[in-house]
Amino acid sequence: MPMKVTFVAADGASTLVEADEGESLMQAAISNDVDGILGECGGSMMCATCHCYVDEAWAGRAGPPVDGEDDMLECATAERRATSRLSCQIRMSAGIDGIVIHLPETQV
């Protein structure tokens, strides 16, 4: 059963999409033509063009950054925040069904 993700653009516009169990948030965004997530490396954690900000209310449930993610986030164009993550490294699960993700103004 598909789960829900809300992507909030820098201008405040929100897009609600469905994602399957185990699907990365980056893939859910790309599959649903969400502006603001590029995913140039296809999710192999070789770029930071899927940089996002996990909503404060969801930060604890999204899990910590994986090994190497912090290093890649240093390459992000947009401001890095405490809730910055690479959306390719967050996988959908029942525990984050309904998660809200904020997008930076730019990825490049």
PDB file of N, CA and C in Angstrom:
ATOM      1  N   MET A   1       0.846  -1.186   0.000  1.00  0.00           N
ATOM      2  CA  MET A   1       0.000   0.000   0.000  1.00  0.00           C
ATOM      3  C   MET A   1       0.888   1.246   0.000  1.00  0.00           C
ATOM      4  N   PRO A   2       0.680   2.139  -0.931  1.00  0.00           N
ATOM      5  CA  PRO A   2       1.526   3.342  -1.012  1.00  0.00           C
ATOM      6  C   PRO A   2       1.396   4.229   0.219  1.00  0.00           C
ATOM      7  N   MET A   3       2.510   4.868   0.548  1.00  0.00           N
ATOM      8  CA  MET A   3       2.556   5.798   1.664  1.00  0.00           C
ATOM      9  C   MET A   3       2.687   7.206   1.111  1.00  0.00           C
ATOM     10  N   LYS A   4       2.541   8.196   1.959  1.00  0.00           N
ATOM     11  CA  LYS A   4       2.514   9.591   1.527  1.00  0.00           C
ATOM     12  C   LYS A   4       3.768  10.345   1.951  1.00  0.00           C
ATOM     13  N   VAL A   5       4.195  11.246   1.055  1.00  0.00           N
ATOM     14  CA  VAL A   5       5.292  12.177   1.317  1.00  0.00           C
ATOM     15  C   VAL A   5       4.841  13.544   0.813  1.00  0.00           C
ATOM     16  N   THR A   6       5.051  14.576   1.606  1.00  0.00           N
ATOM     17  CA  THR A   6       4.768  15.936   1.163  1.00  0.00           C
ATOM     18  C   THR A   6       6.084  16.663   0.970  1.00  0.00           C
ATOM     19  N   PHE A   7       6.301  17.160  -0.243  1.00  0.00           N
ATOM     20  CA  PHE A   7       7.476  17.957  -0.553  1.00  0.00           C
ATOM     21  C   PHE A   7       7.044  19.419  -0.570  1.00  0.00           C
ATOM     22  N   VAL A   8       7.735  20.250   0.192  1.00  0.00           N
ATOM     23  CA  VAL A   8       7.409  21.672   0.279  1.00  0.00           C
ATOM     24  C   VAL A   8       8.532  22.456  -0.383  1.00  0.00           C
ATOM     25  N   ALA A   9       8.199  23.152  -1.467  1.00  0.00           N
ATOM     26  CA  ALA A   9       9.181  23.946  -2.207  1.00  0.00           C
ATOM     27  C   ALA A   9       9.596  25.162  -1.383  1.00  0.00           C
ATOM     28  N   ALA A  10      10.698  25.787  -1.777  1.00  0.00           N
ATOM     29  CA  ALA A  10      11.210  26.966  -1.080  1.00  0.00           C
ATOM     30  C   ALA A  10      10.185  28.094  -1.047  1.00  0.00           C
ATOM     31  N   ASP A  11       9.301  28.143  -2.044  1.00  0.00           N
ATOM     32  CA  ASP A  11       8.270  29.197  -2.082  1.00  0.00           C
ATOM     33  C   ASP A  11       7.021  28.825  -1.287  1.00  0.00           C
ATOM     34  N   GLY A  12       7.028  27.665  -0.639  1.00  0.00           N
ATOM     35  CA  GLY A  12       5.906  27.241   0.194  1.00  0.00           C
ATOM     36  C   GLY A  12       4.901  26.337  -0.490  1.00  0.00           C
ATOM     37  N   ALA A  13       4.986  26.186  -1.808  1.00  0.00           N
ATOM     38  CA  ALA A  13       4.059  25.303  -2.524  1.00  0.00           C
ATOM     39  C   ALA A  13       4.345  23.845  -2.127  1.00  0.00           C
ATOM     40  N   SER A  14       3.286  23.096  -1.872  1.00  0.00           N
ATOM     41  CA  SER A  14       3.500  21.703  -1.465  1.00  0.00           C
ATOM     42  C   SER A  14       2.944  20.732  -2.489  1.00  0.00           C
ATOM     43  N   THR A  15       3.612  19.588  -2.579  1.00  0.00           N
ATOM     44  CA  THR A  15       3.213  18.527  -3.494  1.00  0.00           C
ATOM     45  C   THR A  15       3.143  17.230  -2.699  1.00  0.00           C
ATOM     46  N   LEU A  16       1.983  16.604  -2.699  1.00  0.00           N
ATOM     47  CA  LEU A  16       1.789  15.328  -2.012  1.00  0.00           C
ATOM     48  C   LEU A  16       1.973  14.210  -3.028  1.00  0.00           C
ATOM     49  N   VAL A  17       2.856  13.258  -2.721  1.00  0.00           N
ATOM     50  CA  VAL A  17       3.090  12.132  -3.618  1.00  0.00           C
ATOM     51  C   VAL A  17       2.985  10.826  -2.827  1.00  0.00           C
ATOM     52  N   GLU A  18       2.821   9.739  -3.580  1.00  0.00           N
ATOM     53  CA  GLU A  18       2.809   8.416  -2.979  1.00  0.00           C
ATOM     54  C   GLU A  18       4.149   7.743  -3.200  1.00  0.00           C
ATOM     55  N   ALA A  19       4.553   6.938  -2.233  1.00  0.00           N
ATOM     56  CA  ALA A  19       5.811   6.196  -2.334  1.00  0.00           C
ATOM     57  C   ALA A  19       5.586   4.798  -1.776  1.00  0.00           C
ATOM     58  N   ASP A  20       6.283   3.850  -2.341  1.00  0.00           N
ATOM     59  CA  ASP A  20       6.177   2.465  -1.892  1.00  0.00           C
ATOM     60  C   ASP A  20       7.199   2.172  -0.797  1.00  0.00           C
ATOM     61  N   GLU A  21       6.918   1.176  -0.006  1.00  0.00           N
ATOM     62  CA  GLU A  21       7.834   0.705   1.033  1.00  0.00           C
ATOM     63  C   GLU A  21       9.212   0.472   0.424  1.00  0.00           C
ATOM     64  N   GLY A  22      10.253   1.020   1.039  1.00  0.00           N
ATOM     65  CA  GLY A  22      11.619   0.820   0.585  1.00  0.00           C
ATOM     66  C   GLY A  22      12.088   1.781  -0.492  1.00  0.00           C
ATOM     67  N   GLU A  23      11.168   2.521  -1.111  1.00  0.00           N
ATOM     68  CA  GLU A  23      11.536   3.489  -2.147  1.00  0.00           C
ATOM     69  C   GLU A  23      12.200   4.697  -1.498  1.00  0.00           C
ATOM     70  N   SER A  24      13.238   5.227  -2.130  1.00  0.00           N
ATOM     71  CA  SER A  24      13.875   6.424  -1.571  1.00  0.00           C
ATOM     72  C   SER A  24      12.993   7.644  -1.839  1.00  0.00           C
ATOM     73  N   LEU A  25      13.123   8.635  -0.985  1.00  0.00           N
ATOM     74  CA  LEU A  25      12.362   9.869  -1.185  1.00  0.00           C
ATOM     75  C   LEU A  25      12.793  10.554  -2.467  1.00  0.00           C
ATOM     76  N   MET A  26      14.064  10.422  -2.832  1.00  0.00           N
ATOM     77  CA  MET A  26      14.548  10.989  -4.094  1.00  0.00           C
ATOM     78  C   MET A  26      13.811  10.367  -5.271  1.00  0.00           C
ATOM     79  N   GLN A  27      13.696   9.044  -5.269  1.00  0.00           N
ATOM     80  CA  GLN A  27      13.021   8.359  -6.376  1.00  0.00           C
ATOM     81  C   GLN A  27      11.548   8.721  -6.417  1.00  0.00           C
ATOM     82  N   ALA A  28      10.915   8.844  -5.264  1.00  0.00           N
ATOM     83  CA  ALA A  28       9.507   9.238  -5.224  1.00  0.00           C
ATOM     84  C   ALA A  28       9.336  10.635  -5.818  1.00  0.00           C
ATOM     85  N   ALA A  29      10.264  11.541  -5.504  1.00  0.00           N
ATOM     86  CA  ALA A  29      10.194  12.908  -6.043  1.00  0.00           C
ATOM     87  C   ALA A  29      10.383  12.908  -7.551  1.00  0.00           C
ATOM     88  N   ILE A  30      11.381  12.196  -8.034  1.00  0.00           N
ATOM     89  CA  ILE A  30      11.669  12.167  -9.471  1.00  0.00           C
ATOM     90  C   ILE A  30      10.518  11.508 -10.238  1.00  0.00           C
ATOM     91  N   SER A  31       9.992  10.410  -9.712  1.00  0.00           N
ATOM     92  CA  SER A  31       8.893   9.699 -10.376  1.00  0.00           C
ATOM     93  C   SER A  31       7.628  10.553 -10.481  1.00  0.00           C
ATOM     94  N   ASN A  32       7.519  11.531  -9.583  1.00  0.00           N
ATOM     95  CA  ASN A  32       6.331  12.378  -9.552  1.00  0.00           C
ATOM     96  C   ASN A  32       6.612  13.807 -10.018  1.00  0.00           C
ATOM     97  N   ASP A  33       7.749  14.000 -10.707  1.00  0.00           N
ATOM     98  CA  ASP A  33       8.112  15.296 -11.278  1.00  0.00           C
ATOM     99  C   ASP A  33       8.108  16.441 -10.268  1.00  0.00           C
ATOM    100  N   VAL A  34       8.613  16.173  -9.070  1.00  0.00           N
ATOM    101  CA  VAL A  34       8.710  17.208  -8.045  1.00  0.00           C
ATOM    102  C   VAL A  34       9.906  18.096  -8.378  1.00  0.00           C
ATOM    103  N   ASP A  35       9.642  19.378  -8.600  1.00  0.00           N
ATOM    104  CA  ASP A  35      10.732  20.322  -8.844  1.00  0.00           C
ATOM    105  C   ASP A  35      11.542  20.480  -7.562  1.00  0.00           C
ATOM    106  N   GLY A  36      12.859  20.554  -7.713  1.00  0.00           N
ATOM    107  CA  GLY A  36      13.706  20.792  -6.558  1.00  0.00           C
ATOM    108  C   GLY A  36      14.540  19.604  -6.145  1.00  0.00           C
ATOM    109  N   ILE A  37      14.273  18.439  -6.698  1.00  0.00           N
ATOM    110  CA  ILE A  37      15.097  17.245  -6.470  1.00  0.00           C
ATOM    111  C   ILE A  37      15.613  16.808  -7.832  1.00  0.00           C
ATOM    112  N   LEU A  38      16.943  16.852  -7.997  1.00  0.00           N
ATOM    113  CA  LEU A  38      17.531  16.479  -9.280  1.00  0.00           C
ATOM    114  C   LEU A  38      18.014  15.030  -9.295  1.00  0.00           C
ATOM    115  N   GLY A  39      18.721  14.625  -8.262  1.00  0.00           N
ATOM    116  CA  GLY A  39      19.215  13.250  -8.190  1.00  0.00           C
ATOM    117  C   GLY A  39      20.118  12.887  -9.350  1.00  0.00           C
ATOM    118  N   GLU A  40      21.072  13.757  -9.661  1.00  0.00           N
ATOM    119  CA  GLU A  40      21.943  13.552 -10.830  1.00  0.00           C
ATOM    120  C   GLU A  40      22.710  12.233 -10.805  1.00  0.00           C
ATOM    121  N   CYS A  41      23.055  11.732  -9.624  1.00  0.00           N
ATOM    122  CA  CYS A  41      23.835  10.488  -9.561  1.00  0.00           C
ATOM    123  C   CYS A  41      22.945   9.253  -9.476  1.00  0.00           C
ATOM    124  N   GLY A  42      21.633   9.457  -9.502  1.00  0.00           N
ATOM    125  CA  GLY A  42      20.717   8.326  -9.476  1.00  0.00           C
ATOM    126  C   GLY A  42      20.561   7.674  -8.118  1.00  0.00           C
ATOM    127  N   GLY A  43      21.040   8.319  -7.087  1.00  0.00           N
ATOM    128  CA  GLY A  43      20.882   7.775  -5.741  1.00  0.00           C
ATOM    129  C   GLY A  43      22.080   7.016  -5.223  1.00  0.00           C
ATOM    130  N   SER A  44      23.220   7.158  -5.878  1.00  0.00           N
ATOM    131  CA  SER A  44      24.418   6.429  -5.440  1.00  0.00           C
ATOM    132  C   SER A  44      25.275   7.232  -4.458  1.00  0.00           C
ATOM    133  N   MET A  45      24.736   8.330  -3.936  1.00  0.00           N
ATOM    134  CA  MET A  45      25.403   9.185  -2.958  1.00  0.00           C
ATOM    135  C   MET A  45      26.741   9.714  -3.470  1.00  0.00           C
ATOM    136  N   MET A  46      26.724  10.151  -4.739  1.00  0.00           N
ATOM    137  CA  MET A  46      27.925  10.709  -5.356  1.00  0.00           C
ATOM    138  C   MET A  46      27.766  12.203  -5.662  1.00  0.00           C
ATOM    139  N   CYS A  47      26.623  12.773  -5.295  1.00  0.00           N
ATOM    140  CA  CYS A  47      26.386  14.199  -5.492  1.00  0.00           C
ATOM    141  C   CYS A  47      25.502  14.666  -4.340  1.00  0.00           C
ATOM    142  N   ALA A  48      25.109  15.894  -4.357  1.00  0.00           N
ATOM    143  CA  ALA A  48      24.206  16.395  -3.316  1.00  0.00           C
ATOM    144  C   ALA A  48      23.002  17.082  -3.945  1.00  0.00           C
ATOM    145  N   THR A  49      22.606  16.629  -5.147  1.00  0.00           N
ATOM    146  CA  THR A  49      21.504  17.285  -5.857  1.00  0.00           C
ATOM    147  C   THR A  49      20.135  16.754  -5.448  1.00  0.00           C
ATOM    148  N   CYS A  50      20.100  16.003  -4.354  1.00  0.00           N
ATOM    149  CA  CYS A  50      18.818  15.583  -3.776  1.00  0.00           C
ATOM    150  C   CYS A  50      18.731  16.063  -2.331  1.00  0.00           C
ATOM    151  N   HIS A  51      19.547  17.069  -2.009  1.00  0.00           N
ATOM    152  CA  HIS A  51      19.577  17.666  -0.671  1.00  0.00           C
ATOM    153  C   HIS A  51      18.172  18.112  -0.281  1.00  0.00           C
ATOM    154  N   CYS A  52      17.791  17.826   0.951  1.00  0.00           N
ATOM    155  CA  CYS A  52      16.487  18.252   1.447  1.00  0.00           C
ATOM    156  C   CYS A  52      16.603  18.547   2.932  1.00  0.00           C
ATOM    157  N   TYR A  53      15.547  19.143   3.456  1.00  0.00           N
ATOM    158  CA  TYR A  53      15.450  19.411   4.892  1.00  0.00           C
ATOM    159  C   TYR A  53      14.255  18.625   5.418  1.00  0.00           C
ATOM    160  N   VAL A  54      14.512  17.709   6.330  1.00  0.00           N
ATOM    161  CA  VAL A  54      13.424  16.958   6.951  1.00  0.00           C
ATOM    162  C   VAL A  54      12.701  17.905   7.903  1.00  0.00           C
ATOM    163  N   ASP A  55      11.381  17.946   7.811  1.00  0.00           N
ATOM    164  CA  ASP A  55      10.605  18.791   8.713  1.00  0.00           C
ATOM    165  C   ASP A  55      10.952  18.442  10.154  1.00  0.00           C
ATOM    166  N   GLU A  56      11.057  19.481  10.990  1.00  0.00           N
ATOM    167  CA  GLU A  56      11.440  19.290  12.396  1.00  0.00           C
ATOM    168  C   GLU A  56      10.610  18.200  13.084  1.00  0.00           C
ATOM    169  N   ALA A  57       9.320  18.168  12.802  1.00  0.00           N
ATOM    170  CA  ALA A  57       8.435  17.187  13.444  1.00  0.00           C
ATOM    171  C   ALA A  57       8.773  15.749  13.061  1.00  0.00           C
ATOM    172  N   TRP A  58       9.472  15.563  11.945  1.00  0.00           N
ATOM    173  CA  TRP A  58       9.792  14.233  11.438  1.00  0.00           C
ATOM    174  C   TRP A  58      11.270  13.870  11.587  1.00  0.00           C
ATOM    175  N   ALA A  59      12.083  14.804  12.012  1.00  0.00           N
ATOM    176  CA  ALA A  59      13.537  14.602  12.024  1.00  0.00           C
ATOM    177  C   ALA A  59      13.951  13.353  12.809  1.00  0.00           C
ATOM    178  N   GLY A  60      13.369  13.116  13.948  1.00  0.00           N
ATOM    179  CA  GLY A  60      13.736  11.959  14.752  1.00  0.00           C
ATOM    180  C   GLY A  60      13.339  10.636  14.137  1.00  0.00           C
ATOM    181  N   ARG A  61      12.279  10.641  13.354  1.00  0.00           N
ATOM    182  CA  ARG A  61      11.793   9.399  12.752  1.00  0.00           C
ATOM    183  C   ARG A  61      12.490   9.059  11.444  1.00  0.00           C
ATOM    184  N   ALA A  62      13.106  10.040  10.789  1.00  0.00           N
ATOM    185  CA  ALA A  62      13.768   9.791   9.497  1.00  0.00           C
ATOM    186  C   ALA A  62      15.089   9.054   9.661  1.00  0.00           C
ATOM    187  N   GLY A  63      15.597   8.993  10.879  1.00  0.00           N
ATOM    188  CA  GLY A  63      16.851   8.303  11.136  1.00  0.00           C
ATOM    189  C   GLY A  63      18.046   9.216  10.916  1.00  0.00           C
ATOM    190  N   PRO A  64      19.202   8.801  11.403  1.00  0.00           N
ATOM    191  CA  PRO A  64      20.408   9.603  11.251  1.00  0.00           C
ATOM    192  C   PRO A  64      21.012   9.444   9.859  1.00  0.00           C
ATOM    193  N   PRO A  65      21.860  10.385   9.468  1.00  0.00           N
ATOM    194  CA  PRO A  65      22.568  10.240   8.185  1.00  0.00           C
ATOM    195  C   PRO A  65      23.400   8.947   8.173  1.00  0.00           C
ATOM    196  N   VAL A  66      23.481   8.322   7.016  1.00  0.00           N
ATOM    197  CA  VAL A  66      24.293   7.110   6.869  1.00  0.00           C
ATOM    198  C   VAL A  66      25.754   7.504   6.691  1.00  0.00           C
ATOM    199  N   ASP A  67      26.652   6.528   6.812  1.00  0.00           N
ATOM    200  CA  ASP A  67      28.078   6.790   6.631  1.00  0.00           C
ATOM    201  C   ASP A  67      28.330   7.442   5.281  1.00  0.00           C
ATOM    202  N   GLY A  68      29.068   8.534   5.286  1.00  0.00           N
ATOM    203  CA  GLY A  68      29.412   9.237   4.057  1.00  0.00           C
ATOM    204  C   GLY A  68      28.427  10.326   3.670  1.00  0.00           C
ATOM    205  N   GLU A  69      27.235  10.301   4.251  1.00  0.00           N
ATOM    206  CA  GLU A  69      26.220  11.292   3.888  1.00  0.00           C
ATOM    207  C   GLU A  69      26.631  12.699   4.334  1.00  0.00           C
ATOM    208  N   ASP A  70      27.191  12.815   5.525  1.00  0.00           N
ATOM    209  CA  ASP A  70      27.636  14.131   6.006  1.00  0.00           C
ATOM    210  C   ASP A  70      28.676  14.732   5.074  1.00  0.00           C
ATOM    211  N   ASP A  71      29.600  13.903   4.611  1.00  0.00           N
ATOM    212  CA  ASP A  71      30.630  14.385   3.682  1.00  0.00           C
ATOM    213  C   ASP A  71      30.005  14.907   2.390  1.00  0.00           C
ATOM    214  N   MET A  72      29.029  14.200   1.871  1.00  0.00           N
ATOM    215  CA  MET A  72      28.372  14.614   0.627  1.00  0.00           C
ATOM    216  C   MET A  72      27.564  15.888   0.850  1.00  0.00           C
ATOM    217  N   LEU A  73      26.948  16.024   2.014  1.00  0.00           N
ATOM    218  CA  LEU A  73      26.174  17.234   2.310  1.00  0.00           C
ATOM    219  C   LEU A  73      27.055  18.479   2.350  1.00  0.00           C
ATOM    220  N   GLU A  74      28.339  18.301   2.617  1.00  0.00           N
ATOM    221  CA  GLU A  74      29.267  19.435   2.589  1.00  0.00           C
ATOM    222  C   GLU A  74      29.359  20.021   1.175  1.00  0.00           C
ATOM    223  N   CYS A  75      29.016  19.237   0.162  1.00  0.00           N
ATOM    224  CA  CYS A  75      29.061  19.676  -1.233  1.00  0.00           C
ATOM    225  C   CYS A  75      27.759  20.320  -1.690  1.00  0.00           C
ATOM    226  N   ALA A  76      26.745  20.320  -0.838  1.00  0.00           N
ATOM    227  CA  ALA A  76      25.446  20.881  -1.222  1.00  0.00           C
ATOM    228  C   ALA A  76      25.573  22.373  -1.493  1.00  0.00           C
ATOM    229  N   THR A  77      24.869  22.828  -2.508  1.00  0.00           N
ATOM    230  CA  THR A  77      24.887  24.241  -2.886  1.00  0.00           C
ATOM    231  C   THR A  77      24.135  25.089  -1.869  1.00  0.00           C
ATOM    232  N   ALA A  78      22.979  24.601  -1.441  1.00  0.00           N
ATOM    233  CA  ALA A  78      22.131  25.348  -0.509  1.00  0.00           C
ATOM    234  C   ALA A  78      22.671  25.232   0.916  1.00  0.00           C
ATOM    235  N   GLU A  79      22.199  26.133   1.753  1.00  0.00           N
ATOM    236  CA  GLU A  79      22.578  26.154   3.166  1.00  0.00           C
ATOM    237  C   GLU A  79      22.334  24.795   3.806  1.00  0.00           C
ATOM    238  N   ARG A  80      23.306  24.362   4.576  1.00  0.00           N
ATOM    239  CA  ARG A  80      23.140  23.120   5.324  1.00  0.00           C
ATOM    240  C   ARG A  80      22.520  23.458   6.674  1.00  0.00           C
ATOM    241  N   ARG A  81      21.552  22.654   7.076  1.00  0.00           N
ATOM    242  CA  ARG A  81      20.860  22.845   8.347  1.00  0.00           C
ATOM    243  C   ARG A  81      20.953  21.577   9.181  1.00  0.00           C
ATOM    244  N   ALA A  82      20.514  21.663  10.422  1.00  0.00           N
ATOM    245  CA  ALA A  82      20.553  20.498  11.319  1.00  0.00           C
ATOM    246  C   ALA A  82      19.730  19.342  10.765  1.00  0.00           C
ATOM    247  N   THR A  83      18.691  19.647   9.993  1.00  0.00           N
ATOM    248  CA  THR A  83      17.825  18.594   9.450  1.00  0.00           C
ATOM    249  C   THR A  83      18.150  18.262   7.993  1.00  0.00           C
ATOM    250  N   SER A  84      19.289  18.716   7.492  1.00  0.00           N
ATOM    251  CA  SER A  84      19.683  18.404   6.111  1.00  0.00           C
ATOM    252  C   SER A  84      19.940  16.916   5.952  1.00  0.00           C
ATOM    253  N   ARG A  85      19.441  16.388   4.850  1.00  0.00           N
ATOM    254  CA  ARG A  85      19.669  14.984   4.491  1.00  0.00           C
ATOM    255  C   ARG A  85      19.747  14.882   2.976  1.00  0.00           C
ATOM    256  N   LEU A  86      20.252  13.766   2.498  1.00  0.00           N
ATOM    257  CA  LEU A  86      20.170  13.429   1.082  1.00  0.00           C
ATOM    258  C   LEU A  86      18.918  12.570   0.946  1.00  0.00           C
ATOM    259  N   SER A  87      17.988  13.011   0.115  1.00  0.00           N
ATOM    260  CA  SER A  87      16.721  12.276   0.008  1.00  0.00           C
ATOM    261  C   SER A  87      16.903  10.880  -0.570  1.00  0.00           C
ATOM    262  N   CYS A  88      18.022  10.629  -1.230  1.00  0.00           N
ATOM    263  CA  CYS A  88      18.289   9.279  -1.751  1.00  0.00           C
ATOM    264  C   CYS A  88      18.600   8.288  -0.636  1.00  0.00           C
ATOM    265  N   GLN A  89      18.894   8.796   0.549  1.00  0.00           N
ATOM    266  CA  GLN A  89      19.266   7.926   1.659  1.00  0.00           C
ATOM    267  C   GLN A  89      18.140   7.725   2.671  1.00  0.00           C
ATOM    268  N   ILE A  90      16.984   8.300   2.400  1.00  0.00           N
ATOM    269  CA  ILE A  90      15.824   8.103   3.273  1.00  0.00           C
ATOM    270  C   ILE A  90      14.854   7.186   2.533  1.00  0.00           C
ATOM    271  N   ARG A  91      14.611   6.031   3.103  1.00  0.00           N
ATOM    272  CA  ARG A  91      13.731   5.035   2.480  1.00  0.00           C
ATOM    273  C   ARG A  91      12.374   5.033   3.171  1.00  0.00           C
ATOM    274  N   MET A  92      11.330   4.951   2.352  1.00  0.00           N
ATOM    275  CA  MET A  92       9.977   4.946   2.894  1.00  0.00           C
ATOM    276  C   MET A  92       9.729   3.707   3.740  1.00  0.00           C
ATOM    277  N   SER A  93       9.040   3.947   4.845  1.00  0.00           N
ATOM    278  CA  SER A  93       8.610   2.867   5.732  1.00  0.00           C
ATOM    279  C   SER A  93       7.359   3.353   6.450  1.00  0.00           C
ATOM    280  N   ALA A  94       6.678   2.446   7.085  1.00  0.00           N
ATOM    281  CA  ALA A  94       5.452   2.812   7.798  1.00  0.00           C
ATOM    282  C   ALA A  94       5.729   3.873   8.859  1.00  0.00           C
ATOM    283  N   GLY A  95       6.921   3.851   9.438  1.00  0.00           N
ATOM    284  CA  GLY A  95       7.276   4.810  10.482  1.00  0.00           C
ATOM    285  C   GLY A  95       7.379   6.249  10.015  1.00  0.00           C
ATOM    286  N   ILE A  96       7.536   6.443   8.710  1.00  0.00           N
ATOM    287  CA  ILE A  96       7.611   7.824   8.201  1.00  0.00           C
ATOM    288  C   ILE A  96       6.512   8.124   7.182  1.00  0.00           C
ATOM    289  N   ASP A  97       5.478   7.295   7.176  1.00  0.00           N
ATOM    290  CA  ASP A  97       4.329   7.557   6.301  1.00  0.00           C
ATOM    291  C   ASP A  97       3.742   8.918   6.671  1.00  0.00           C
ATOM    292  N   GLY A  98       3.671   9.829   5.697  1.00  0.00           N
ATOM    293  CA  GLY A  98       3.174  11.178   5.934  1.00  0.00           C
ATOM    294  C   GLY A  98       4.274  12.208   6.130  1.00  0.00           C
ATOM    295  N   ILE A  99       5.532  11.802   6.017  1.00  0.00           N
ATOM    296  CA  ILE A  99       6.674  12.687   6.249  1.00  0.00           C
ATOM    297  C   ILE A  99       6.589  13.958   5.396  1.00  0.00           C
ATOM    298  N   VAL A 100       7.098  15.037   5.948  1.00  0.00           N
ATOM    299  CA  VAL A 100       7.138  16.326   5.263  1.00  0.00           C
ATOM    300  C   VAL A 100       8.605  16.683   5.025  1.00  0.00           C
ATOM    301  N   ILE A 101       8.916  16.978   3.764  1.00  0.00           N
ATOM    302  CA  ILE A 101      10.278  17.296   3.345  1.00  0.00           C
ATOM    303  C   ILE A 101      10.289  18.689   2.726  1.00  0.00           C
ATOM    304  N   HIS A 102      11.174  19.537   3.196  1.00  0.00           N
ATOM    305  CA  HIS A 102      11.328  20.886   2.644  1.00  0.00           C
ATOM    306  C   HIS A 102      12.493  20.882   1.662  1.00  0.00           C
ATOM    307  N   LEU A 103      12.339  21.630   0.578  1.00  0.00           N
ATOM    308  CA  LEU A 103      13.353  21.657  -0.470  1.00  0.00           C
ATOM    309  C   LEU A 103      14.105  22.983  -0.455  1.00  0.00           C
ATOM    310  N   PRO A 104      15.403  22.936  -0.730  1.00  0.00           N
ATOM    311  CA  PRO A 104      16.181  24.174  -0.789  1.00  0.00           C
ATOM    312  C   PRO A 104      15.833  24.977  -2.053  1.00  0.00           C
ATOM    313  N   GLU A 105      16.253  26.228  -2.060  1.00  0.00           N
ATOM    314  CA  GLU A 105      15.975  27.082  -3.228  1.00  0.00           C
ATOM    315  C   GLU A 105      16.645  26.572  -4.482  1.00  0.00           C
ATOM    316  N   THR A 106      17.816  25.967  -4.335  1.00  0.00           N
ATOM    317  CA  THR A 106      18.551  25.475  -5.506  1.00  0.00           C
ATOM    318  C   THR A 106      19.348  24.234  -5.144  1.00  0.00           C
ATOM    319  N   GLN A 107      19.632  23.421  -6.157  1.00  0.00           N
ATOM    320  CA  GLN A 107      20.463  22.232  -5.983  1.00  0.00           C
ATOM    321  C   GLN A 107      21.802  22.380  -6.692  1.00  0.00           C
ATOM    322  N   VAL A 108      21.887  23.331  -7.603  1.00  0.00           N
ATOM    323  CA  VAL A 108      23.128  23.496  -8.378  1.00  0.00           C
ATOM    324  C   VAL A 108      23.620  24.920  -8.317  1.00  0.00           C
TER     325      VAL A 108
END
